[in-house]
Amino acid sequence: MINFLKRHPLILMLPLAFFLYNLAFENTAIFWYMYTFATLILMSLAIIFVKIFDELATWKSLVYGIIFGALLYGIFIAGYQLLLLTPLNVANSIERFLSRFSPVSIWHYLLLMFIIVPGEEIFWRGLVQQKLKQYASTPIAILASSILFGLALALGGFWFGALAGIVVSLILGFLYEWKKSLPVIIVAHLVMIVLLFLIMPLSI
């Protein structure tokens, strides 16, 4: 049984991930503590089960990360502007979500930078995506892991964020397979976050 779980860790890891995400989103007062706790657990388990790729020189990781982080931000903004043209109440939905879960202190940004962003990439790209490749082709594994991540985010009741999470995950998933470098996707994720929350936030 133990050997079976070692070969197929997603049987336990995915239910655990959804349980922990749901727990984090349940109480906004302790969201940052619980989400960080959830990410730490998932990241620690992922490191046990998979090899993390890092096949690029540091300067290349930074360059590709910055370029793709800016690209992700541009896609996010373009998607938001397109959704504003629809009858959907996007602006109010985003404003409601940001008022409950957005980072508001230096402490939150430190957690994002050093735990949450690396942890999400290690778990969803490093573990889930790689293990799904045991059962399906690489493109299908990327798509499936991206949808699973979006569904986990949907537990927060924010459908636009879940959709954005799927799109971002698709790009980061292909980037990880292309460059075989975890630092690249972590830098890209961080650049997107910095642009989105600090430098050029959404106009709501």
Protein backbone atom coordinates (compact mmCIF):
# COMPACT_ATOMS: atom_id res chain seq x y z
CA MET A 1 0.00 0.00 0.00
CA ILE A 2 2.81 2.42 0.91
CA ASN A 3 4.65 1.70 -2.34
CA PHE A 4 1.44 2.23 -4.28
CA LEU A 5 0.92 5.64 -2.64
CA LYS A 6 4.52 6.58 -3.37
CA ARG A 7 3.93 5.86 -7.05
CA HIS A 8 0.51 7.55 -7.08
CA PRO A 9 0.68 10.33 -4.43
CA LEU A 10 -2.08 12.40 -6.07
CA ILE A 11 -4.66 10.01 -4.63
CA LEU A 12 -3.95 11.59 -1.24
CA MET A 13 -2.39 14.91 -2.22
CA LEU A 14 -5.29 16.32 -4.26
CA PRO A 15 -8.01 15.71 -1.62
CA LEU A 16 -5.64 17.16 0.99
CA ALA A 17 -5.01 20.24 -1.18
CA PHE A 18 -8.73 20.91 -1.64
CA PHE A 19 -9.39 20.37 2.06
CA LEU A 20 -6.64 22.83 3.05
CA TYR A 21 -7.68 25.44 0.46
CA ASN A 22 -11.27 25.24 1.66
CA LEU A 23 -10.09 25.64 5.24
CA ALA A 24 -8.07 28.73 4.28
CA PHE A 25 -10.93 30.43 2.43
CA GLU A 26 -13.49 29.71 5.15
CA ASN A 27 -12.37 32.43 7.57
CA THR A 28 -11.13 35.73 6.11
CA ALA A 29 -9.81 36.85 9.51
CA ILE A 30 -7.13 34.14 9.46
CA PHE A 31 -6.88 33.63 5.70
CA TRP A 32 -3.20 34.61 5.39
CA TYR A 33 -2.17 32.33 8.24
CA MET A 34 -4.19 29.36 6.99
CA TYR A 35 -3.24 29.77 3.31
CA THR A 36 0.42 29.98 4.26
CA PHE A 37 0.02 26.91 6.49
CA ALA A 38 -1.70 25.02 3.65
CA THR A 39 1.01 25.98 1.17
CA LEU A 40 3.80 24.94 3.54
CA ILE A 41 2.27 21.51 4.03
CA LEU A 42 1.67 20.93 0.32
CA MET A 43 5.11 22.23 -0.64
CA SER A 44 6.83 20.02 1.94
CA LEU A 45 5.00 16.92 0.73
CA ALA A 46 5.70 17.76 -2.92
CA ILE A 47 9.45 17.98 -2.26
CA ILE A 48 9.34 14.44 -0.84
CA PHE A 49 7.66 12.96 -3.92
CA VAL A 50 9.20 14.74 -6.91
CA LYS A 51 12.44 16.03 -8.34
CA ILE A 52 12.41 19.80 -8.82
CA PHE A 53 13.89 20.92 -12.14
CA ASP A 54 16.42 23.76 -12.26
CA GLU A 55 18.30 23.48 -15.54
CA LEU A 56 18.89 27.16 -16.37
CA ALA A 57 21.60 29.61 -15.36
CA THR A 58 20.42 32.13 -12.76
CA TRP A 59 20.54 35.11 -15.13
CA LYS A 60 18.48 33.24 -17.73
CA SER A 61 15.90 32.33 -15.09
CA LEU A 62 15.60 36.00 -14.16
CA VAL A 63 15.32 37.18 -17.77
CA TYR A 64 12.73 34.61 -18.79
CA GLY A 65 10.88 35.08 -15.50
CA ILE A 66 10.62 38.85 -15.91
CA ILE A 67 9.51 38.58 -19.55
CA PHE A 68 6.85 35.96 -18.85
CA GLY A 69 5.73 37.69 -15.64
CA ALA A 70 5.07 40.88 -17.62
CA LEU A 71 3.29 38.80 -20.28
CA LEU A 72 1.07 37.18 -17.64
CA TYR A 73 0.20 40.59 -16.25
CA GLY A 74 -0.69 41.84 -19.75
CA ILE A 75 -2.93 38.83 -20.37
CA PHE A 76 -4.60 39.32 -16.99
CA ILE A 77 -5.34 42.99 -17.71
CA ALA A 78 -6.52 42.25 -21.27
CA GLY A 79 -8.86 39.55 -19.99
CA TYR A 80 -10.23 41.90 -17.35
CA GLN A 81 -10.89 44.65 -19.93
CA LEU A 82 -12.66 42.18 -22.23
CA LEU A 83 -14.85 40.92 -19.39
CA LEU A 84 -15.84 44.50 -18.57
CA LEU A 85 -17.49 44.64 -22.01
CA THR A 86 -19.81 41.78 -21.06
CA PRO A 87 -22.97 42.04 -18.92
CA LEU A 88 -21.18 40.15 -16.15
CA ASN A 89 -20.63 42.06 -12.91
CA VAL A 90 -16.85 41.61 -12.98
CA ALA A 91 -15.76 44.82 -11.23
CA ASN A 92 -17.93 44.24 -8.15
CA SER A 93 -16.84 40.61 -7.94
CA ILE A 94 -13.16 41.59 -8.02
CA GLU A 95 -13.64 44.42 -5.54
CA ARG A 96 -15.40 42.06 -3.13
CA PHE A 97 -12.63 39.47 -3.41
CA LEU A 98 -9.81 41.99 -3.02
CA SER A 99 -11.43 43.51 0.06
CA ARG A 100 -11.38 40.07 1.68
CA PHE A 101 -8.16 38.45 0.48
CA SER A 102 -5.73 40.92 -1.11
CA PRO A 103 -2.31 41.54 0.51
CA VAL A 104 -2.35 44.73 2.58
CA SER A 105 0.85 44.64 4.61
CA ILE A 106 4.54 44.02 4.13
CA TRP A 107 4.03 40.78 6.07
CA HIS A 108 1.58 39.53 3.43
CA TYR A 109 4.01 40.35 0.62
CA LEU A 110 6.83 38.55 2.41
CA LEU A 111 4.63 35.48 2.79
CA LEU A 112 3.79 35.66 -0.91
CA MET A 113 7.40 36.05 -1.95
CA PHE A 114 9.04 33.42 0.22
CA ILE A 115 6.34 30.81 0.90
CA ILE A 116 3.10 31.09 -1.06
CA VAL A 117 4.34 31.67 -4.62
CA PRO A 118 7.22 29.14 -4.43
CA GLY A 119 4.96 26.68 -2.62
CA GLU A 120 2.18 26.91 -5.19
CA GLU A 121 4.61 26.34 -8.04
CA ILE A 122 6.34 23.43 -6.32
CA PHE A 123 3.02 21.72 -5.58
CA TRP A 124 0.90 22.44 -8.68
CA ARG A 125 3.63 22.47 -11.33
CA GLY A 126 6.25 20.36 -9.56
CA LEU A 127 4.06 17.61 -8.12
CA VAL A 128 0.57 17.62 -9.64
CA GLN A 129 1.58 18.40 -13.22
CA GLN A 130 4.53 15.98 -13.20
CA LYS A 131 2.58 13.12 -11.65
CA LEU A 132 -0.33 13.59 -14.07
CA LYS A 133 2.18 12.93 -16.85
CA GLN A 134 2.18 9.31 -15.66
CA TYR A 135 -1.39 8.97 -16.92
CA ALA A 136 -1.61 11.40 -19.84
CA SER A 137 0.41 13.33 -22.40
CA THR A 138 2.25 16.47 -21.27
CA PRO A 139 -0.31 18.95 -22.75
CA ILE A 140 -3.19 17.08 -21.09
CA ALA A 141 -1.30 16.99 -17.78
CA ILE A 142 -0.73 20.76 -17.97
CA LEU A 143 -4.40 21.38 -18.77
CA ALA A 144 -5.63 19.06 -16.02
CA SER A 145 -3.33 20.51 -13.34
CA SER A 146 -4.34 24.05 -14.38
CA ILE A 147 -8.05 23.24 -14.09
CA LEU A 148 -7.48 21.59 -10.71
CA PHE A 149 -5.67 24.71 -9.47
CA GLY A 150 -8.52 26.89 -10.75
CA LEU A 151 -11.07 24.71 -8.96
CA ALA A 152 -9.07 25.01 -5.73
CA LEU A 153 -9.13 28.82 -6.07
CA ALA A 154 -12.86 28.69 -6.82
CA LEU A 155 -13.38 27.56 -3.22
CA GLY A 156 -12.88 31.23 -2.37
CA GLY A 157 -16.05 32.02 -4.33
CA PHE A 158 -14.24 34.12 -6.93
CA TRP A 159 -14.92 32.78 -10.43
CA PHE A 160 -12.83 35.44 -12.24
CA GLY A 161 -9.84 34.58 -10.06
CA ALA A 162 -10.36 30.87 -10.73
CA LEU A 163 -10.48 31.50 -14.49
CA ALA A 164 -7.37 33.70 -14.28
CA GLY A 165 -5.67 31.00 -12.23
CA ILE A 166 -6.32 28.44 -14.96
CA VAL A 167 -4.93 30.70 -17.69
CA VAL A 168 -1.84 31.63 -15.65
CA SER A 169 -1.27 27.97 -14.75
CA LEU A 170 -1.44 26.93 -18.40
CA ILE A 171 1.28 29.41 -19.33
CA LEU A 172 3.46 28.57 -16.33
CA GLY A 173 2.93 24.87 -16.92
CA PHE A 174 4.16 25.06 -20.51
CA LEU A 175 7.00 27.34 -19.44
CA TYR A 176 8.10 24.78 -16.84
CA GLU A 177 8.08 21.98 -19.39
CA TRP A 178 9.93 24.14 -21.90
CA LYS A 179 12.70 25.53 -19.68
CA LYS A 180 12.79 22.81 -17.01
CA SER A 181 13.39 25.48 -14.38
CA LEU A 182 11.36 26.07 -11.24
CA PRO A 183 13.05 29.48 -10.57
CA VAL A 184 11.76 30.72 -13.95
CA ILE A 185 8.13 30.12 -13.10
CA ILE A 186 8.55 31.42 -9.54
CA VAL A 187 10.09 34.67 -10.84
CA ALA A 188 7.34 34.99 -13.49
CA HIS A 189 4.66 34.46 -10.83
CA LEU A 190 6.29 37.01 -8.52
CA VAL A 191 6.67 39.63 -11.27
CA MET A 192 2.98 39.25 -12.12
CA ILE A 193 2.00 39.66 -8.44
CA VAL A 194 4.18 42.75 -7.98
CA LEU A 195 2.79 44.39 -11.12
CA LEU A 196 -0.78 43.47 -10.24
CA PHE A 197 -0.83 44.53 -6.60
CA LEU A 198 1.89 47.16 -6.24
CA ILE A 199 3.01 48.83 -9.48
CA MET A 200 -0.03 48.82 -11.78
CA PRO A 201 -3.07 47.49 -9.91
CA LEU A 202 -6.46 47.05 -11.55
CA SER A 203 -8.61 50.16 -11.86
CA ILE A 204 -11.92 49.11 -10.30
